[in-house]
N, C-alpha and C. Protein backbone atom coordinates (compact mmCIF):
# COMPACT_ATOMS: atom_id res chain seq x y z
N MET A 1 95.82 2.10 199.62
CA MET A 1 96.36 3.38 200.46
C MET A 1 97.34 4.15 199.58
N THR A 2 97.04 5.29 199.54
CA THR A 2 97.95 6.20 198.59
C THR A 2 99.09 6.54 199.35
N SER A 3 99.93 7.17 198.65
CA SER A 3 101.14 7.62 199.32
C SER A 3 100.96 8.90 199.99
N ASP A 4 99.97 9.70 199.66
CA ASP A 4 99.58 11.03 200.31
C ASP A 4 98.98 10.70 201.72
N SER A 5 98.18 9.65 201.75
CA SER A 5 97.62 9.43 203.00
C SER A 5 98.65 8.84 204.06
N GLN A 6 99.61 8.12 203.47
CA GLN A 6 100.67 7.57 204.42
C GLN A 6 101.48 8.70 204.94
N THR A 7 101.88 9.75 204.17
CA THR A 7 102.79 10.67 204.51
C THR A 7 102.00 11.69 205.52
N ASN A 8 100.63 11.85 205.28
CA ASN A 8 99.86 12.85 206.18
C ASN A 8 99.45 12.06 207.65
N GLU A 9 99.22 10.72 207.43
CA GLU A 9 98.71 10.09 208.64
C GLU A 9 99.89 9.63 209.74
N TYR A 10 100.88 9.04 209.01
CA TYR A 10 101.98 8.33 209.75
C TYR A 10 103.31 8.90 209.31
N PRO A 11 104.35 8.53 210.30
CA PRO A 11 105.75 9.03 210.01
C PRO A 11 106.02 8.17 208.69
N THR A 12 107.16 8.81 208.18
CA THR A 12 107.83 8.31 206.87
C THR A 12 108.73 7.26 207.24
N ARG A 13 109.35 6.44 206.19
CA ARG A 13 110.11 5.38 206.63
C ARG A 13 111.51 5.64 207.44
N PRO A 14 112.06 6.84 207.05
CA PRO A 14 113.19 7.33 207.93
C PRO A 14 112.92 7.48 209.50
N ALA A 15 111.71 8.02 209.56
CA ALA A 15 111.15 8.18 210.92
C ALA A 15 110.89 6.90 211.69
N TRP A 16 110.37 5.94 211.00
CA TRP A 16 109.99 4.78 211.71
C TRP A 16 111.37 3.94 211.87
N LEU A 17 112.13 3.97 211.00
CA LEU A 17 113.53 3.37 211.14
C LEU A 17 114.21 3.90 212.37
N ALA A 18 114.39 5.22 212.67
CA ALA A 18 114.88 5.72 214.00
C ALA A 18 114.19 5.25 215.13
N VAL A 19 112.76 5.18 215.10
CA VAL A 19 112.08 4.74 216.20
C VAL A 19 112.55 3.18 216.54
N LEU A 20 112.44 2.34 215.55
CA LEU A 20 113.00 1.00 215.57
C LEU A 20 114.41 0.89 216.17
N ALA A 21 115.37 1.67 215.64
CA ALA A 21 116.79 1.68 216.05
C ALA A 21 116.82 2.02 217.50
N ARG A 22 115.94 2.77 218.03
CA ARG A 22 116.13 3.31 219.52
C ARG A 22 115.41 2.27 220.54
N ALA A 23 114.46 1.63 219.90
CA ALA A 23 113.67 0.62 220.66
C ALA A 23 114.45 -0.41 221.45
N THR A 24 114.09 -0.97 222.53
CA THR A 24 114.85 -2.03 223.14
C THR A 24 114.40 -3.36 222.67
N LEU A 25 115.09 -4.44 223.07
CA LEU A 25 114.88 -5.80 222.57
C LEU A 25 113.50 -6.17 223.22
N ALA A 26 113.21 -5.77 224.44
CA ALA A 26 112.02 -6.14 225.13
C ALA A 26 110.73 -5.50 224.49
N GLN A 27 110.95 -4.36 224.08
CA GLN A 27 109.73 -3.66 223.33
C GLN A 27 109.44 -4.20 221.90
N LEU A 28 110.56 -4.71 221.19
CA LEU A 28 110.24 -5.19 219.93
C LEU A 28 109.73 -6.64 220.13
N GLN A 29 110.27 -7.50 221.08
CA GLN A 29 109.70 -8.79 221.22
C GLN A 29 108.32 -8.81 221.63
N ALA A 30 107.94 -7.80 222.39
CA ALA A 30 106.38 -7.69 222.89
C ALA A 30 105.69 -7.63 221.73
N GLN A 31 105.95 -7.06 220.65
CA GLN A 31 105.05 -6.87 219.37
C GLN A 31 105.31 -7.88 218.32
N ALA A 32 106.47 -8.68 218.46
CA ALA A 32 106.70 -9.56 217.35
C ALA A 32 105.67 -10.58 217.10
N PRO A 33 105.31 -10.93 215.80
CA PRO A 33 104.42 -11.83 215.31
C PRO A 33 104.94 -13.26 215.56
N ALA A 34 104.15 -13.98 215.79
CA ALA A 34 104.44 -15.57 215.73
C ALA A 34 104.81 -15.98 214.32
N VAL A 35 105.80 -16.79 214.24
CA VAL A 35 106.47 -17.32 213.03
C VAL A 35 105.48 -17.82 212.07
N ASN A 36 104.49 -18.57 212.51
CA ASN A 36 103.50 -19.32 211.72
C ASN A 36 102.54 -18.05 211.03
N GLU A 37 102.53 -16.77 211.46
CA GLU A 37 101.70 -15.70 210.88
C GLU A 37 102.35 -14.99 209.67
N LEU A 38 103.57 -15.27 209.46
CA LEU A 38 104.31 -14.57 208.45
C LEU A 38 104.62 -15.49 207.38
N PRO A 39 104.84 -14.85 206.03
CA PRO A 39 105.60 -15.64 205.03
C PRO A 39 106.88 -16.01 205.43
N PRO A 40 107.47 -16.90 204.60
CA PRO A 40 108.91 -17.27 204.88
C PRO A 40 109.75 -16.05 204.94
N LEU A 41 110.76 -16.10 205.73
CA LEU A 41 111.52 -14.80 205.99
C LEU A 41 112.91 -15.33 205.52
N GLN A 42 113.34 -14.45 204.57
CA GLN A 42 114.83 -14.80 203.90
C GLN A 42 115.76 -13.74 204.55
N GLN A 43 116.75 -14.12 205.06
CA GLN A 43 117.83 -13.33 205.53
C GLN A 43 118.93 -13.18 204.41
N LEU A 44 118.55 -11.93 203.88
CA LEU A 44 119.61 -11.25 202.81
C LEU A 44 120.95 -11.16 203.35
N ARG A 45 120.95 -10.47 204.60
CA ARG A 45 122.13 -10.14 205.27
C ARG A 45 121.91 -10.39 206.67
N PRO A 46 122.39 -11.63 207.13
CA PRO A 46 122.14 -12.08 208.60
C PRO A 46 122.59 -11.04 209.55
N PRO A 47 122.13 -10.89 210.74
CA PRO A 47 122.77 -9.94 211.68
C PRO A 47 124.23 -10.18 211.76
N GLU A 48 124.91 -8.92 211.69
CA GLU A 48 126.32 -9.06 211.82
C GLU A 48 126.86 -7.92 212.52
N ILE A 49 127.89 -8.11 213.40
CA ILE A 49 128.35 -7.05 214.20
C ILE A 49 129.60 -6.22 213.60
N GLY A 50 129.61 -4.96 213.68
CA GLY A 50 130.80 -4.32 213.11
C GLY A 50 130.99 -3.04 213.98
N MET A 51 131.79 -2.27 213.30
CA MET A 51 132.26 -0.96 214.14
C MET A 51 131.88 0.37 213.19
N VAL A 52 131.51 1.43 213.76
CA VAL A 52 131.41 2.57 213.11
C VAL A 52 132.28 3.69 213.88
N MET A 53 132.63 4.72 213.13
CA MET A 53 133.49 5.85 213.78
C MET A 53 132.55 6.99 214.07
N LEU A 54 132.45 7.19 215.38
CA LEU A 54 131.59 8.38 215.76
C LEU A 54 132.39 9.65 215.61
N ARG A 55 131.65 10.56 215.03
CA ARG A 55 132.57 12.07 214.85
C ARG A 55 131.63 13.05 215.60
N GLY A 56 132.49 14.10 216.22
CA GLY A 56 131.76 15.12 216.84
C GLY A 56 132.30 16.32 216.38
N ARG A 57 131.78 17.43 216.99
CA ARG A 57 132.12 18.88 216.57
C ARG A 57 132.25 19.61 218.01
N VAL A 58 133.32 20.36 218.12
CA VAL A 58 133.35 21.27 219.30
C VAL A 58 132.12 22.28 219.13
N GLY A 59 131.47 22.24 220.31
CA GLY A 59 130.45 23.26 220.31
C GLY A 59 129.21 22.99 219.24
N GLY A 60 129.49 21.86 218.69
CA GLY A 60 128.20 21.55 217.77
C GLY A 60 128.40 22.15 216.39
N THR A 61 129.30 23.13 216.26
CA THR A 61 129.48 23.75 215.24
C THR A 61 131.13 23.91 214.53
N GLY A 62 131.85 23.39 215.34
CA GLY A 62 133.17 23.49 215.18
C GLY A 62 133.87 22.37 214.17
N ASN A 63 135.19 22.40 214.02
CA ASN A 63 135.72 21.49 213.03
C ASN A 63 135.43 20.01 213.60
N PRO A 64 134.97 19.10 212.61
CA PRO A 64 134.72 17.71 213.13
C PRO A 64 136.07 16.95 213.64
N PHE A 65 135.83 16.05 214.42
CA PHE A 65 136.99 15.28 215.00
C PHE A 65 136.32 13.93 215.37
N ASN A 66 137.23 12.80 215.19
CA ASN A 66 136.86 11.45 215.64
C ASN A 66 136.75 11.31 217.10
N LEU A 67 135.67 11.01 217.51
CA LEU A 67 135.40 10.84 218.86
C LEU A 67 135.67 9.47 219.37
N GLY A 68 135.39 8.32 218.61
CA GLY A 68 135.65 7.28 219.02
C GLY A 68 134.87 6.18 218.14
N GLU A 69 134.95 4.70 218.48
CA GLU A 69 134.04 3.85 217.68
C GLU A 69 133.02 3.22 218.51
N ALA A 70 132.09 2.72 217.94
CA ALA A 70 130.84 2.07 218.61
C ALA A 70 130.65 0.79 217.87
N SER A 71 130.05 -0.28 218.70
CA SER A 71 129.52 -1.38 217.88
C SER A 71 128.26 -1.15 217.41
N VAL A 72 127.91 -1.81 216.24
CA VAL A 72 126.63 -1.64 215.59
C VAL A 72 126.53 -2.95 214.97
N VAL A 73 125.02 -3.34 214.98
CA VAL A 73 124.53 -4.61 214.18
C VAL A 73 123.75 -4.25 212.99
N ARG A 74 124.15 -4.81 211.83
CA ARG A 74 123.18 -4.48 210.73
C ARG A 74 122.47 -5.84 210.16
N CYS A 75 121.39 -5.65 209.59
CA CYS A 75 120.70 -6.78 209.21
C CYS A 75 119.64 -6.57 207.91
N ALA A 76 119.55 -7.29 206.99
CA ALA A 76 118.56 -7.03 205.98
C ALA A 76 117.84 -8.43 205.79
N VAL A 77 116.41 -8.23 205.83
CA VAL A 77 115.45 -9.52 205.65
C VAL A 77 114.44 -9.11 204.57
N ARG A 78 114.17 -10.09 204.01
CA ARG A 78 112.88 -10.03 203.07
C ARG A 78 111.65 -10.82 203.46
N LEU A 79 110.74 -10.32 203.44
CA LEU A 79 109.49 -10.97 203.83
C LEU A 79 108.79 -11.60 202.71
N GLY A 80 108.96 -13.13 202.59
CA GLY A 80 108.49 -13.78 201.38
C GLY A 80 109.16 -13.22 200.10
N ASP A 81 108.12 -12.70 199.27
CA ASP A 81 108.56 -12.08 197.92
C ASP A 81 108.37 -10.49 198.09
N GLY A 82 108.22 -10.06 199.33
CA GLY A 82 107.70 -8.79 199.47
C GLY A 82 108.85 -7.67 199.70
N PRO A 83 108.53 -6.73 200.49
CA PRO A 83 109.72 -5.71 200.63
C PRO A 83 110.81 -6.14 201.52
N LEU A 84 111.89 -5.28 201.30
CA LEU A 84 113.15 -5.52 201.89
C LEU A 84 113.14 -4.80 203.23
N GLY A 85 113.51 -5.36 204.33
CA GLY A 85 113.60 -4.64 205.66
C GLY A 85 115.01 -4.58 205.96
N VAL A 86 115.50 -3.36 206.52
CA VAL A 86 116.81 -3.15 206.92
C VAL A 86 116.76 -2.58 208.30
N SER A 87 117.95 -2.75 209.08
CA SER A 87 118.21 -2.23 210.34
C SER A 87 119.68 -1.97 210.51
N TYR A 88 119.98 -1.03 211.37
CA TYR A 88 121.27 -0.66 211.95
C TYR A 88 120.90 -0.41 213.30
N SER A 89 121.59 -1.05 214.26
CA SER A 89 121.30 -0.51 215.73
C SER A 89 122.61 -0.62 216.53
N LEU A 90 122.80 0.36 217.47
CA LEU A 90 124.01 0.49 218.26
C LEU A 90 124.09 -0.65 219.25
N GLY A 91 125.09 -1.29 219.36
CA GLY A 91 125.33 -2.47 220.42
C GLY A 91 125.53 -3.53 219.72
N ARG A 92 125.48 -4.86 220.32
CA ARG A 92 125.77 -5.94 219.77
C ARG A 92 124.69 -7.10 219.78
N ASN A 93 123.43 -6.67 219.99
CA ASN A 93 122.36 -7.43 220.02
C ASN A 93 121.76 -7.89 218.58
N LYS A 94 122.12 -8.98 218.16
CA LYS A 94 121.66 -9.39 216.90
C LYS A 94 120.19 -9.55 216.65
N ARG A 95 119.65 -10.22 217.81
CA ARG A 95 118.01 -10.41 217.67
C ARG A 95 117.39 -9.02 217.66
N ARG A 96 117.91 -7.97 218.33
CA ARG A 96 117.09 -6.83 218.32
C ARG A 96 117.21 -6.11 216.83
N ALA A 97 118.37 -6.38 216.08
CA ALA A 97 118.53 -5.81 214.78
C ALA A 97 117.67 -6.68 213.81
N GLU A 98 117.62 -8.04 213.99
CA GLU A 98 116.62 -8.81 213.22
C GLU A 98 115.22 -8.34 213.37
N LEU A 99 114.73 -8.30 214.50
CA LEU A 99 113.38 -7.81 214.75
C LEU A 99 113.05 -6.40 214.21
N ALA A 100 114.07 -5.53 214.20
CA ALA A 100 113.84 -3.96 213.79
C ALA A 100 113.67 -4.30 211.99
N ALA A 101 114.52 -5.13 211.49
CA ALA A 101 114.54 -5.27 209.92
C ALA A 101 113.27 -5.92 209.64
N LEU A 102 112.73 -6.92 210.44
CA LEU A 102 111.46 -7.61 210.13
C LEU A 102 110.26 -6.52 210.21
N PHE A 103 110.34 -5.82 211.23
CA PHE A 103 109.30 -4.66 211.40
C PHE A 103 109.31 -3.68 210.26
N ASP A 104 110.56 -3.44 209.73
CA ASP A 104 110.70 -2.45 208.71
C ASP A 104 110.14 -3.11 207.39
N ALA A 105 110.35 -4.39 207.18
CA ALA A 105 109.86 -5.07 206.06
C ALA A 105 108.33 -5.12 206.14
N MET A 106 107.75 -5.38 207.31
CA MET A 106 106.41 -5.42 207.36
C MET A 106 105.70 -4.15 207.47
N LEU A 107 106.31 -3.01 207.87
CA LEU A 107 105.87 -1.63 207.64
C LEU A 107 105.54 -1.15 206.24
N GLN A 108 106.27 -1.67 205.47
CA GLN A 108 106.27 -1.47 203.98
C GLN A 108 105.21 -2.27 203.32
N ASP A 109 104.70 -3.29 203.91
CA ASP A 109 103.59 -4.06 203.30
C ASP A 109 102.19 -3.31 203.83
N PRO A 110 101.44 -3.07 202.64
CA PRO A 110 100.24 -2.51 203.14
C PRO A 110 99.41 -3.35 203.95
N GLN A 111 99.41 -4.44 203.87
CA GLN A 111 98.67 -5.30 204.76
C GLN A 111 98.83 -5.19 206.24
N HIS A 112 100.02 -4.89 206.67
CA HIS A 112 100.53 -4.72 208.00
C HIS A 112 100.73 -3.32 208.45
N HIS A 113 100.83 -2.38 207.51
CA HIS A 113 101.47 -0.91 207.71
C HIS A 113 100.60 -0.21 208.84
N ASP A 114 99.39 -0.14 208.61
CA ASP A 114 98.51 0.66 209.45
C ASP A 114 98.49 0.15 210.88
N ALA A 115 98.34 -1.10 211.21
CA ALA A 115 98.36 -1.64 212.47
C ALA A 115 99.60 -1.57 213.14
N LEU A 116 100.65 -1.71 212.40
CA LEU A 116 101.94 -1.56 213.18
C LEU A 116 102.32 -0.05 213.47
N GLN A 117 101.86 0.82 212.54
CA GLN A 117 101.93 2.23 212.83
C GLN A 117 101.32 2.50 214.22
N GLN A 118 100.10 2.12 214.26
CA GLN A 118 99.14 2.31 215.40
C GLN A 118 99.58 1.67 216.64
N HIS A 119 99.95 0.49 216.61
CA HIS A 119 100.13 -0.28 217.85
C HIS A 119 101.80 -0.62 218.25
N LEU A 120 102.64 -0.17 217.29
CA LEU A 120 103.95 -0.20 217.54
C LEU A 120 104.90 1.14 217.45
N ILE A 121 104.70 1.75 216.28
CA ILE A 121 105.46 2.77 216.13
C ILE A 121 105.09 4.03 216.80
N ALA A 122 103.73 4.35 216.90
CA ALA A 122 103.37 5.53 217.63
C ALA A 122 103.52 5.31 219.08
N PRO A 123 103.23 4.14 219.88
CA PRO A 123 103.54 4.24 221.16
C PRO A 123 105.04 4.17 221.53
N LEU A 124 105.86 3.59 220.80
CA LEU A 124 107.35 3.73 220.93
C LEU A 124 107.90 5.08 220.77
N ALA A 125 107.36 5.85 219.59
CA ALA A 125 107.73 7.22 219.49
C ALA A 125 107.32 8.13 220.52
N GLN A 126 106.23 7.81 221.17
CA GLN A 126 105.73 8.69 222.27
C GLN A 126 106.50 8.42 223.44
N ALA A 127 106.82 7.14 223.71
CA ALA A 127 107.53 6.76 224.90
C ALA A 127 109.05 7.37 224.77
N GLN A 128 109.84 7.42 223.61
CA GLN A 128 111.02 7.97 223.43
C GLN A 128 110.99 9.28 223.56
N ALA A 129 109.92 10.03 223.00
CA ALA A 129 109.87 11.42 223.22
C ALA A 129 109.75 11.79 224.65
N LEU A 130 108.94 11.32 225.40
CA LEU A 130 108.88 11.40 226.92
C LEU A 130 110.13 11.19 227.55
N ALA A 131 110.93 10.21 227.33
CA ALA A 131 112.14 9.89 227.97
C ALA A 131 113.06 10.99 227.58
N ARG A 132 113.24 11.48 226.41
CA ARG A 132 114.05 12.53 225.89
C ARG A 132 113.73 13.79 226.78
N ALA A 133 112.32 14.05 226.82
CA ALA A 133 112.02 15.47 227.38
C ALA A 133 112.29 15.15 228.93
N GLN A 134 112.19 14.09 229.50
CA GLN A 134 112.62 14.04 231.05
C GLN A 134 114.18 14.09 231.13
N GLN A 135 114.84 13.54 230.39
CA GLN A 135 116.44 13.61 230.24
C GLN A 135 116.78 15.06 230.15
N GLN A 136 116.03 15.87 229.38
CA GLN A 136 116.39 17.43 229.01
C GLN A 136 116.09 18.09 230.40
N ARG A 137 114.97 17.79 231.04
CA ARG A 137 114.63 18.47 232.23
C ARG A 137 115.73 18.06 233.49
N ASP A 138 116.17 16.88 233.45
CA ASP A 138 117.15 16.52 234.36
C ASP A 138 118.45 17.02 234.18
N VAL A 139 118.88 17.26 232.86
CA VAL A 139 120.13 17.98 232.69
C VAL A 139 119.91 19.51 232.70
N ALA A 140 118.85 20.01 232.50
CA ALA A 140 118.73 21.46 232.71
C ALA A 140 118.82 21.96 234.19
N GLY A 141 118.53 21.16 235.09
CA GLY A 141 118.66 21.44 236.49
C GLY A 141 120.06 21.56 237.05
N SER A 142 120.90 20.97 236.20
CA SER A 142 122.39 21.01 236.58
C SER A 142 123.01 21.92 235.70
N LYS A 143 122.44 22.75 234.88
CA LYS A 143 123.03 23.51 233.88
C LYS A 143 123.81 24.73 234.69
N VAL A 144 125.16 25.17 234.29
CA VAL A 144 125.73 26.15 235.01
C VAL A 144 125.89 27.22 233.75
N GLU A 145 125.68 28.36 234.12
CA GLU A 145 125.83 29.63 233.33
C GLU A 145 127.13 30.27 233.46
N PHE A 146 128.17 30.38 232.58
CA PHE A 146 129.21 31.12 232.76
C PHE A 146 129.20 32.41 232.12
N PHE A 147 129.73 33.54 232.74
CA PHE A 147 129.90 34.77 232.15
C PHE A 147 131.02 35.51 232.70
N THR A 148 131.47 36.46 231.84
CA THR A 148 132.91 37.13 232.25
C THR A 148 132.44 38.59 232.46
N PHE A 149 133.09 39.13 233.59
CA PHE A 149 132.89 40.69 233.88
C PHE A 149 134.10 41.21 233.11
N VAL A 150 133.92 42.28 232.54
CA VAL A 150 134.95 43.05 231.80
C VAL A 150 135.56 43.98 232.88
N ARG A 151 136.87 43.96 233.03
CA ARG A 151 137.61 44.87 234.06
C ARG A 151 137.57 46.15 233.40
N GLY A 152 137.35 47.30 234.18
CA GLY A 152 137.57 48.44 233.60
C GLY A 152 138.98 48.96 234.02
N GLU A 153 139.41 50.14 233.28
CA GLU A 153 140.73 50.87 233.63
C GLU A 153 140.72 51.42 234.87
N ALA A 154 141.61 51.33 235.75
CA ALA A 154 141.42 52.15 237.11
C ALA A 154 142.29 53.30 237.10
């Protein structure tokens, strides 16, 4: 597989990492391979919980400000002597981060790449896009338009 065919047919690594980060534990576990089907898994950075500072902008374009903190789990695994898989996910679920890192490593392996793109990443990305579109429709129904009348001189 050439890198050109990968970029034309399938999402790039940042795109699949984003899909994996938004996936639920149940969605990842449903596709998890059996332990005996994989080479030995090295945990270079076991799942660990930390905090990140969330920043926001007033109106999306104003000056940045610290919004608050959120829990995040990070993990790094190596599949045998193969590629390094990493993950960062919001929340405190260590197993979810570990599975996301495992899938990242497997997606970098040409032996697993196409099957995982087709059976894991594509369906998850489609489901996430549908959920995002539904949420946007729900929010749009409650949108309030504010406008101001200019008073004239009397």
